């Protein structure tokens, strides 16, 4: 019973069922993340094509690894920035 009450409190306190907040965040974050990822992968492709010859696959593999391992920090950075832009008014209300 205590667990259910704590979950209900968290849902109400953090507005987890507010569909407008959920959709706005999902759409904005999805669009921003896909644009940044497209630009970033195009840049990595351009660099690997510039430095790679037709016989060496090492530079291409290195480019793919750089893209794979650096995607998560980029995603976290974008989420923080977008949260500050979209949900600044909620933080001001909560702090009062």
PDB file of N, CA and C in Angstrom:
ATOM      1  N   UNK A   1       0.815  -1.182   0.000  1.00  0.00           N
ATOM      2  CA  UNK A   1       0.000   0.000   0.000  1.00  0.00           C
ATOM      3  C   UNK A   1       0.870   1.262   0.000  1.00  0.00           C
ATOM      4  N   UNK A   2       1.959   1.213   0.760  1.00  0.00           N
ATOM      5  CA  UNK A   2       2.868   2.348   0.817  1.00  0.00           C
ATOM      6  C   UNK A   2       3.519   2.616  -0.548  1.00  0.00           C
ATOM      7  N   UNK A   3       3.854   1.547  -1.259  1.00  0.00           N
ATOM      8  CA  UNK A   3       4.445   1.694  -2.594  1.00  0.00           C
ATOM      9  C   UNK A   3       3.460   2.357  -3.547  1.00  0.00           C
ATOM     10  N   UNK A   4       2.214   1.919  -3.531  1.00  0.00           N
ATOM     11  CA  UNK A   4       1.202   2.508  -4.414  1.00  0.00           C
ATOM     12  C   UNK A   4       0.966   3.983  -4.088  1.00  0.00           C
ATOM     13  N   UNK A   5       0.965   4.314  -2.830  1.00  0.00           N
ATOM     14  CA  UNK A   5       0.802   5.716  -2.444  1.00  0.00           C
ATOM     15  C   UNK A   5       1.991   6.564  -2.889  1.00  0.00           C
ATOM     16  N   UNK A   6       3.186   6.018  -2.773  1.00  0.00           N
ATOM     17  CA  UNK A   6       4.359   6.783  -3.200  1.00  0.00           C
ATOM     18  C   UNK A   6       4.390   6.953  -4.722  1.00  0.00           C
ATOM     19  N   UNK A   7       3.958   5.953  -5.474  1.00  0.00           N
ATOM     20  CA  UNK A   7       3.872   6.077  -6.932  1.00  0.00           C
ATOM     21  C   UNK A   7       2.806   7.097  -7.312  1.00  0.00           C
ATOM     22  N   UNK A   8       1.669   7.057  -6.660  1.00  0.00           N
ATOM     23  CA  UNK A   8       0.608   8.028  -6.943  1.00  0.00           C
ATOM     24  C   UNK A   8       1.066   9.444  -6.630  1.00  0.00           C
ATOM     25  N   UNK A   9       1.773   9.623  -5.538  1.00  0.00           N
ATOM     26  CA  UNK A   9       2.303  10.943  -5.190  1.00  0.00           C
ATOM     27  C   UNK A   9       3.285  11.434  -6.250  1.00  0.00           C
ATOM     28  N   UNK A  10       4.169  10.553  -6.712  1.00  0.00           N
ATOM     29  CA  UNK A  10       5.159  10.940  -7.726  1.00  0.00           C
ATOM     30  C   UNK A  10       4.483  11.310  -9.044  1.00  0.00           C
ATOM     31  N   UNK A  11       3.450  10.569  -9.427  1.00  0.00           N
ATOM     32  CA  UNK A  11       2.736  10.857 -10.673  1.00  0.00           C
ATOM     33  C   UNK A  11       2.048  12.209 -10.589  1.00  0.00           C
ATOM     34  N   UNK A  12       1.425  12.494  -9.484  1.00  0.00           N
ATOM     35  CA  UNK A  12       0.712  13.772  -9.338  1.00  0.00           C
ATOM     36  C   UNK A  12       1.704  14.925  -9.190  1.00  0.00           C
ATOM     37  N   UNK A  13       2.734  14.734  -8.402  1.00  0.00           N
ATOM     38  CA  UNK A  13       3.702  15.810  -8.138  1.00  0.00           C
ATOM     39  C   UNK A  13       4.483  16.216  -9.374  1.00  0.00           C
ATOM     40  N   UNK A  14       4.882  15.237 -10.185  1.00  0.00           N
ATOM     41  CA  UNK A  14       5.721  15.516 -11.355  1.00  0.00           C
ATOM     42  C   UNK A  14       4.939  15.540 -12.655  1.00  0.00           C
ATOM     43  N   UNK A  15       3.626  15.513 -12.584  1.00  0.00           N
ATOM     44  CA  UNK A  15       2.734  15.601 -13.744  1.00  0.00           C
ATOM     45  C   UNK A  15       3.107  14.586 -14.823  1.00  0.00           C
ATOM     46  N   UNK A  16       3.223  13.331 -14.437  1.00  0.00           N
ATOM     47  CA  UNK A  16       3.637  12.296 -15.371  1.00  0.00           C
ATOM     48  C   UNK A  16       2.536  11.904 -16.353  1.00  0.00           C
ATOM     49  N   UNK A  17       1.297  12.226 -16.044  1.00  0.00           N
ATOM     50  CA  UNK A  17       0.208  11.887 -16.956  1.00  0.00           C
ATOM     51  C   UNK A  17      -0.291  13.086 -17.750  1.00  0.00           C
ATOM     52  N   UNK A  18       0.416  14.196 -17.698  1.00  0.00           N
ATOM     53  CA  UNK A  18       0.041  15.358 -18.498  1.00  0.00           C
ATOM     54  C   UNK A  18       0.489  15.108 -19.930  1.00  0.00           C
ATOM     55  N   UNK A  19      -0.445  14.770 -20.797  1.00  0.00           N
ATOM     56  CA  UNK A  19      -0.127  14.341 -22.156  1.00  0.00           C
ATOM     57  C   UNK A  19       0.475  15.468 -22.988  1.00  0.00           C
ATOM     58  N   UNK A  20       0.089  16.704 -22.721  1.00  0.00           N
ATOM     59  CA  UNK A  20       0.656  17.822 -23.486  1.00  0.00           C
ATOM     60  C   UNK A  20       2.147  17.974 -23.216  1.00  0.00           C
ATOM     61  N   UNK A  21       2.542  17.838 -21.970  1.00  0.00           N
ATOM     62  CA  UNK A  21       3.959  17.936 -21.618  1.00  0.00           C
ATOM     63  C   UNK A  21       4.730  16.783 -22.248  1.00  0.00           C
ATOM     64  N   UNK A  22       4.173  15.602 -22.186  1.00  0.00           N
ATOM     65  CA  UNK A  22       4.836  14.425 -22.739  1.00  0.00           C
ATOM     66  C   UNK A  22       5.013  14.547 -24.254  1.00  0.00           C
ATOM     67  N   UNK A  23       3.962  14.940 -24.965  1.00  0.00           N
ATOM     68  CA  UNK A  23       4.033  15.043 -26.426  1.00  0.00           C
ATOM     69  C   UNK A  23       4.977  16.174 -26.833  1.00  0.00           C
ATOM     70  N   UNK A  24       4.882  17.313 -26.164  1.00  0.00           N
ATOM     71  CA  UNK A  24       5.761  18.436 -26.503  1.00  0.00           C
ATOM     72  C   UNK A  24       7.223  18.047 -26.326  1.00  0.00           C
ATOM     73  N   UNK A  25       7.518  17.415 -25.218  1.00  0.00           N
ATOM     74  CA  UNK A  25       8.906  17.029 -24.968  1.00  0.00           C
ATOM     75  C   UNK A  25       9.380  15.974 -25.960  1.00  0.00           C
ATOM     76  N   UNK A  26       8.545  14.995 -26.251  1.00  0.00           N
ATOM     77  CA  UNK A  26       8.939  13.932 -27.165  1.00  0.00           C
ATOM     78  C   UNK A  26       9.156  14.461 -28.582  1.00  0.00           C
ATOM     79  N   UNK A  27       8.274  15.323 -29.053  1.00  0.00           N
ATOM     80  CA  UNK A  27       8.397  15.839 -30.416  1.00  0.00           C
ATOM     81  C   UNK A  27       9.599  16.760 -30.536  1.00  0.00           C
ATOM     82  N   UNK A  28       9.724  17.695 -29.631  1.00  0.00           N
ATOM     83  CA  UNK A  28      10.834  18.658 -29.712  1.00  0.00           C
ATOM     84  C   UNK A  28      12.168  17.953 -29.551  1.00  0.00           C
ATOM     85  N   UNK A  29      12.273  17.071 -28.583  1.00  0.00           N
ATOM     86  CA  UNK A  29      13.523  16.365 -28.373  1.00  0.00           C
ATOM     87  C   UNK A  29      13.836  15.436 -29.545  1.00  0.00           C
ATOM     88  N   UNK A  30      12.824  14.779 -30.083  1.00  0.00           N
ATOM     89  CA  UNK A  30      13.039  13.896 -31.223  1.00  0.00           C
ATOM     90  C   UNK A  30      13.510  14.632 -32.457  1.00  0.00           C
ATOM     91  N   UNK A  31      12.895  15.757 -32.753  1.00  0.00           N
ATOM     92  CA  UNK A  31      13.297  16.543 -33.925  1.00  0.00           C
ATOM     93  C   UNK A  31      14.703  17.111 -33.736  1.00  0.00           C
ATOM     94  N   UNK A  32      14.971  17.684 -32.573  1.00  0.00           N
ATOM     95  CA  UNK A  32      16.296  18.258 -32.328  1.00  0.00           C
ATOM     96  C   UNK A  32      17.382  17.194 -32.369  1.00  0.00           C
ATOM     97  N   UNK A  33      17.108  16.057 -31.765  1.00  0.00           N
ATOM     98  CA  UNK A  33      18.096  14.992 -31.738  1.00  0.00           C
ATOM     99  C   UNK A  33      18.344  14.419 -33.125  1.00  0.00           C
ATOM    100  N   UNK A  34      17.298  14.270 -33.919  1.00  0.00           N
ATOM    101  CA  UNK A  34      17.495  13.729 -35.269  1.00  0.00           C
ATOM    102  C   UNK A  34      18.242  14.708 -36.167  1.00  0.00           C
ATOM    103  N   UNK A  35      17.997  16.013 -36.022  1.00  0.00           N
ATOM    104  CA  UNK A  35      18.743  16.995 -36.807  1.00  0.00           C
ATOM    105  C   UNK A  35      20.222  17.017 -36.428  1.00  0.00           C
ATOM    106  N   UNK A  36      20.498  17.013 -35.147  1.00  0.00           N
ATOM    107  CA  UNK A  36      21.894  17.021 -34.710  1.00  0.00           C
ATOM    108  C   UNK A  36      22.588  15.734 -35.112  1.00  0.00           C
ATOM    109  N   UNK A  37      21.923  14.610 -34.980  1.00  0.00           N
ATOM    110  CA  UNK A  37      22.525  13.335 -35.363  1.00  0.00           C
ATOM    111  C   UNK A  37      22.779  13.276 -36.861  1.00  0.00           C
ATOM    112  N   UNK A  38      21.862  13.804 -37.677  1.00  0.00           N
ATOM    113  CA  UNK A  38      22.067  13.815 -39.128  1.00  0.00           C
ATOM    114  C   UNK A  38      23.267  14.675 -39.505  1.00  0.00           C
ATOM    115  N   UNK A  39      23.376  15.850 -38.911  1.00  0.00           N
ATOM    116  CA  UNK A  39      24.531  16.720 -39.194  1.00  0.00           C
ATOM    117  C   UNK A  39      25.824  16.087 -38.721  1.00  0.00           C
ATOM    118  N   UNK A  40      25.788  15.489 -37.558  1.00  0.00           N
ATOM    119  CA  UNK A  40      26.989  14.888 -36.986  1.00  0.00           C
ATOM    120  C   UNK A  40      27.444  13.683 -37.803  1.00  0.00           C
ATOM    121  N   UNK A  41      26.512  12.827 -38.204  1.00  0.00           N
ATOM    122  CA  UNK A  41      26.898  11.658 -38.995  1.00  0.00           C
ATOM    123  C   UNK A  41      27.358  12.062 -40.390  1.00  0.00           C
ATOM    124  N   UNK A  42      26.784  13.130 -40.958  1.00  0.00           N
ATOM    125  CA  UNK A  42      27.258  13.627 -42.248  1.00  0.00           C
ATOM    126  C   UNK A  42      28.687  14.151 -42.131  1.00  0.00           C
ATOM    127  N   UNK A  43      28.985  14.808 -41.036  1.00  0.00           N
ATOM    128  CA  UNK A  43      30.339  15.306 -40.807  1.00  0.00           C
ATOM    129  C   UNK A  43      31.325  14.154 -40.668  1.00  0.00           C
ATOM    130  N   UNK A  44      30.961  13.128 -39.914  1.00  0.00           N
ATOM    131  CA  UNK A  44      31.839  11.968 -39.753  1.00  0.00           C
ATOM    132  C   UNK A  44      32.021  11.265 -41.092  1.00  0.00           C
ATOM    133  N   UNK A  45      30.969  11.138 -41.879  1.00  0.00           N
ATOM    134  CA  UNK A  45      31.066  10.507 -43.197  1.00  0.00           C
ATOM    135  C   UNK A  45      31.981  11.311 -44.116  1.00  0.00           C
ATOM    136  N   UNK A  46      31.851  12.626 -44.093  1.00  0.00           N
ATOM    137  CA  UNK A  46      32.700  13.475 -44.915  1.00  0.00           C
ATOM    138  C   UNK A  46      34.170  13.339 -44.529  1.00  0.00           C
ATOM    139  N   UNK A  47      34.441  13.321 -43.236  1.00  0.00           N
ATOM    140  CA  UNK A  47      35.829  13.194 -42.775  1.00  0.00           C
ATOM    141  C   UNK A  47      36.386  11.823 -43.124  1.00  0.00           C
ATOM    142  N   UNK A  48      35.623  10.757 -42.926  1.00  0.00           N
ATOM    143  CA  UNK A  48      36.131   9.419 -43.236  1.00  0.00           C
ATOM    144  C   UNK A  48      36.315   9.229 -44.733  1.00  0.00           C
ATOM    145  N   UNK A  49      35.448   9.811 -45.550  1.00  0.00           N
ATOM    146  CA  UNK A  49      35.628   9.709 -46.997  1.00  0.00           C
ATOM    147  C   UNK A  49      36.835  10.510 -47.472  1.00  0.00           C
ATOM    148  N   UNK A  50      37.124  11.598 -46.802  1.00  0.00           N
ATOM    149  CA  UNK A  50      38.268  12.421 -47.184  1.00  0.00           C
ATOM    150  C   UNK A  50      39.584  11.717 -46.882  1.00  0.00           C
ATOM    151  N   UNK A  51      39.665  11.084 -45.720  1.00  0.00           N
ATOM    152  CA  UNK A  51      40.922  10.489 -45.307  1.00  0.00           C
ATOM    153  C   UNK A  51      41.063   9.013 -45.636  1.00  0.00           C
ATOM    154  N   UNK A  52      40.010   8.355 -46.047  1.00  0.00           N
ATOM    155  CA  UNK A  52      40.076   6.919 -46.298  1.00  0.00           C
ATOM    156  C   UNK A  52      40.314   6.648 -47.780  1.00  0.00           C
ATOM    157  N   UNK A  53      41.181   5.701 -48.039  1.00  0.00           N
ATOM    158  CA  UNK A  53      41.356   5.248 -49.416  1.00  0.00           C
ATOM    159  C   UNK A  53      40.415   4.079 -49.651  1.00  0.00           C
ATOM    160  N   UNK A  54      40.356   3.598 -50.861  1.00  0.00           N
ATOM    161  CA  UNK A  54      39.423   2.522 -51.189  1.00  0.00           C
ATOM    162  C   UNK A  54      39.816   1.201 -50.536  1.00  0.00           C
ATOM    163  N   UNK A  55      41.084   1.065 -50.153  1.00  0.00           N
ATOM    164  CA  UNK A  55      41.538  -0.207 -49.587  1.00  0.00           C
ATOM    165  C   UNK A  55      41.511  -0.241 -48.060  1.00  0.00           C
ATOM    166  N   UNK A  56      41.578   0.913 -47.410  1.00  0.00           N
ATOM    167  CA  UNK A  56      41.665   0.902 -45.950  1.00  0.00           C
ATOM    168  C   UNK A  56      40.274   1.052 -45.333  1.00  0.00           C
ATOM    169  N   UNK A  57      39.928   0.129 -44.500  1.00  0.00           N
ATOM    170  CA  UNK A  57      38.664   0.197 -43.787  1.00  0.00           C
ATOM    171  C   UNK A  57      38.835   0.663 -42.359  1.00  0.00           C
ATOM    172  N   UNK A  58      40.080   0.878 -41.950  1.00  0.00           N
ATOM    173  CA  UNK A  58      40.359   1.283 -40.580  1.00  0.00           C
ATOM    174  C   UNK A  58      39.829   2.662 -40.240  1.00  0.00           C
ATOM    175  N   UNK A  59      39.956   3.597 -41.173  1.00  0.00           N
ATOM    176  CA  UNK A  59      39.466   4.942 -40.918  1.00  0.00           C
ATOM    177  C   UNK A  59      37.946   4.949 -40.854  1.00  0.00           C
ATOM    178  N   UNK A  60      37.320   4.161 -41.701  1.00  0.00           N
ATOM    179  CA  UNK A  60      35.863   4.066 -41.681  1.00  0.00           C
ATOM    180  C   UNK A  60      35.379   3.447 -40.371  1.00  0.00           C
ATOM    181  N   UNK A  61      36.054   2.406 -39.928  1.00  0.00           N
ATOM    182  CA  UNK A  61      35.692   1.795 -38.644  1.00  0.00           C
ATOM    183  C   UNK A  61      35.893   2.777 -37.492  1.00  0.00           C
ATOM    184  N   UNK A  62      36.975   3.531 -37.551  1.00  0.00           N
ATOM    185  CA  UNK A  62      37.229   4.533 -36.525  1.00  0.00           C
ATOM    186  C   UNK A  62      36.117   5.584 -36.521  1.00  0.00           C
ATOM    187  N   UNK A  63      35.689   6.021 -37.691  1.00  0.00           N
ATOM    188  CA  UNK A  63      34.599   6.991 -37.785  1.00  0.00           C
ATOM    189  C   UNK A  63      33.305   6.464 -37.215  1.00  0.00           C
ATOM    190  N   UNK A  64      33.007   5.214 -37.481  1.00  0.00           N
ATOM    191  CA  UNK A  64      31.794   4.602 -36.940  1.00  0.00           C
ATOM    192  C   UNK A  64      31.873   4.493 -35.420  1.00  0.00           C
ATOM    193  N   UNK A  65      33.032   4.142 -34.899  1.00  0.00           N
ATOM    194  CA  UNK A  65      33.193   4.048 -33.446  1.00  0.00           C
ATOM    195  C   UNK A  65      33.080   5.416 -32.783  1.00  0.00           C
ATOM    196  N   UNK A  66      33.645   6.444 -33.405  1.00  0.00           N
ATOM    197  CA  UNK A  66      33.522   7.794 -32.860  1.00  0.00           C
ATOM    198  C   UNK A  66      32.057   8.200 -32.822  1.00  0.00           C
ATOM    199  N   UNK A  67      31.345   7.922 -33.890  1.00  0.00           N
ATOM    200  CA  UNK A  67      29.918   8.250 -33.946  1.00  0.00           C
ATOM    201  C   UNK A  67      29.130   7.492 -32.886  1.00  0.00           C
ATOM    202  N   UNK A  68      29.424   6.214 -32.728  1.00  0.00           N
ATOM    203  CA  UNK A  68      28.680   5.397 -31.774  1.00  0.00           C
ATOM    204  C   UNK A  68      28.938   5.821 -30.326  1.00  0.00           C
ATOM    205  N   UNK A  69      30.180   6.104 -29.984  1.00  0.00           N
ATOM    206  CA  UNK A  69      30.502   6.416 -28.592  1.00  0.00           C
ATOM    207  C   UNK A  69      30.229   7.865 -28.205  1.00  0.00           C
ATOM    208  N   UNK A  70      30.099   8.742 -29.167  1.00  0.00           N
ATOM    209  CA  UNK A  70      29.862  10.141 -28.819  1.00  0.00           C
ATOM    210  C   UNK A  70      28.397  10.540 -28.937  1.00  0.00           C
ATOM    211  N   UNK A  71      27.531   9.625 -29.328  1.00  0.00           N
ATOM    212  CA  UNK A  71      26.128   9.972 -29.483  1.00  0.00           C
ATOM    213  C   UNK A  71      25.449  10.211 -28.134  1.00  0.00           C
ATOM    214  N   UNK A  72      25.727   9.405 -27.141  1.00  0.00           N
ATOM    215  CA  UNK A  72      25.060   9.542 -25.849  1.00  0.00           C
ATOM    216  C   UNK A  72      25.404  10.860 -25.142  1.00  0.00           C
ATOM    217  N   UNK A  73      26.651  11.314 -25.117  1.00  0.00           N
ATOM    218  CA  UNK A  73      26.915  12.636 -24.517  1.00  0.00           C
ATOM    219  C   UNK A  73      26.217  13.776 -25.264  1.00  0.00           C
ATOM    220  N   UNK A  74      26.120  13.662 -26.576  1.00  0.00           N
ATOM    221  CA  UNK A  74      25.407  14.686 -27.345  1.00  0.00           C
ATOM    222  C   UNK A  74      23.929  14.677 -26.971  1.00  0.00           C
ATOM    223  N   UNK A  75      23.350  13.491 -26.822  1.00  0.00           N
ATOM    224  CA  UNK A  75      21.934  13.373 -26.452  1.00  0.00           C
ATOM    225  C   UNK A  75      21.686  13.978 -25.077  1.00  0.00           C
ATOM    226  N   UNK A  76      22.556  13.703 -24.123  1.00  0.00           N
ATOM    227  CA  UNK A  76      22.397  14.263 -22.770  1.00  0.00           C
ATOM    228  C   UNK A  76      22.501  15.787 -22.776  1.00  0.00           C
ATOM    229  N   UNK A  77      23.459  16.307 -23.536  1.00  0.00           N
ATOM    230  CA  UNK A  77      23.622  17.758 -23.638  1.00  0.00           C
ATOM    231  C   UNK A  77      22.362  18.396 -24.215  1.00  0.00           C
ATOM    232  N   UNK A  78      21.817  17.809 -25.273  1.00  0.00           N
ATOM    233  CA  UNK A  78      20.605  18.348 -25.886  1.00  0.00           C
ATOM    234  C   UNK A  78      19.414  18.278 -24.934  1.00  0.00           C
ATOM    235  N   UNK A  79      19.273  17.194 -24.213  1.00  0.00           N
ATOM    236  CA  UNK A  79      18.154  17.068 -23.278  1.00  0.00           C
ATOM    237  C   UNK A  79      18.213  18.146 -22.200  1.00  0.00           C
ATOM    238  N   UNK A  80      19.389  18.415 -21.677  1.00  0.00           N
ATOM    239  CA  UNK A  80      19.519  19.455 -20.647  1.00  0.00           C
ATOM    240  C   UNK A  80      19.157  20.823 -21.198  1.00  0.00           C
ATOM    241  N   UNK A  81      19.670  21.137 -22.392  1.00  0.00           N
ATOM    242  CA  UNK A  81      19.396  22.446 -22.985  1.00  0.00           C
ATOM    243  C   UNK A  81      17.920  22.611 -23.324  1.00  0.00           C
ATOM    244  N   UNK A  82      17.307  21.592 -23.874  1.00  0.00           N
ATOM    245  CA  UNK A  82      15.891  21.681 -24.258  1.00  0.00           C
ATOM    246  C   UNK A  82      15.012  21.749 -23.020  1.00  0.00           C
ATOM    247  N   UNK A  83      15.360  21.009 -21.976  1.00  0.00           N
ATOM    248  CA  UNK A  83      14.597  21.097 -20.730  1.00  0.00           C
ATOM    249  C   UNK A  83      14.653  22.500 -20.143  1.00  0.00           C
ATOM    250  N   UNK A  84      15.806  23.131 -20.207  1.00  0.00           N
ATOM    251  CA  UNK A  84      15.917  24.502 -19.701  1.00  0.00           C
ATOM    252  C   UNK A  84      15.068  25.462 -20.521  1.00  0.00           C
ATOM    253  N   UNK A  85      15.019  25.258 -21.836  1.00  0.00           N
ATOM    254  CA  UNK A  85      14.241  26.145 -22.694  1.00  0.00           C
ATOM    255  C   UNK A  85      12.740  25.931 -22.552  1.00  0.00           C
ATOM    256  N   UNK A  86      12.310  24.681 -22.545  1.00  0.00           N
ATOM    257  CA  UNK A  86      10.871  24.387 -22.567  1.00  0.00           C
ATOM    258  C   UNK A  86      10.222  24.419 -21.196  1.00  0.00           C
ATOM    259  N   UNK A  87      10.938  24.003 -20.183  1.00  0.00           N
ATOM    260  CA  UNK A  87      10.312  23.813 -18.885  1.00  0.00           C
ATOM    261  C   UNK A  87      10.867  24.752 -17.826  1.00  0.00           C
ATOM    262  N   UNK A  88      11.324  25.912 -18.214  1.00  0.00           N
ATOM    263  CA  UNK A  88      11.851  26.880 -17.253  1.00  0.00           C
ATOM    264  C   UNK A  88      10.746  27.419 -16.353  1.00  0.00           C
ATOM    265  N   UNK A  89       9.536  27.585 -16.899  1.00  0.00           N
ATOM    266  CA  UNK A  89       8.444  28.125 -16.088  1.00  0.00           C
ATOM    267  C   UNK A  89       8.010  27.141 -15.011  1.00  0.00           C
ATOM    268  N   UNK A  90       8.101  25.858 -15.259  1.00  0.00           N
ATOM    269  CA  UNK A  90       7.755  24.866 -14.226  1.00  0.00           C
ATOM    270  C   UNK A  90       8.762  24.890 -13.097  1.00  0.00           C
ATOM    271  N   UNK A  91      10.028  25.107 -13.399  1.00  0.00           N
ATOM    272  CA  UNK A  91      11.049  25.172 -12.355  1.00  0.00           C
ATOM    273  C   UNK A  91      10.854  26.402 -11.478  1.00  0.00           C
ATOM    274  N   UNK A  92      10.475  27.514 -12.103  1.00  0.00           N
ATOM    275  CA  UNK A  92      10.249  28.741 -11.322  1.00  0.00           C
ATOM    276  C   UNK A  92       9.064  28.563 -10.387  1.00  0.00           C
ATOM    277  N   UNK A  93       8.009  27.892 -10.861  1.00  0.00           N
ATOM    278  CA  UNK A  93       6.822  27.681 -10.038  1.00  0.00           C
ATOM    279  C   UNK A  93       7.145  26.739  -8.886  1.00  0.00           C
ATOM    280  N   UNK A  94       7.903  25.687  -9.132  1.00  0.00           N
ATOM    281  CA  UNK A  94       8.248  24.719  -8.091  1.00  0.00           C
ATOM    282  C   UNK A  94       9.145  25.328  -7.027  1.00  0.00           C
ATOM    283  N   UNK A  95      10.008  26.254  -7.413  1.00  0.00           N
ATOM    284  CA  UNK A  95      10.945  26.811  -6.439  1.00  0.00           C
ATOM    285  C   UNK A  95      10.283  27.793  -5.481  1.00  0.00           C
ATOM    286  N   UNK A  96       9.121  28.295  -5.816  1.00  0.00           N
ATOM    287  CA  UNK A  96       8.435  29.257  -4.938  1.00  0.00           C
ATOM    288  C   UNK A  96       7.809  28.601  -3.760  1.00  0.00           C
TER     289      UNK A  96
END
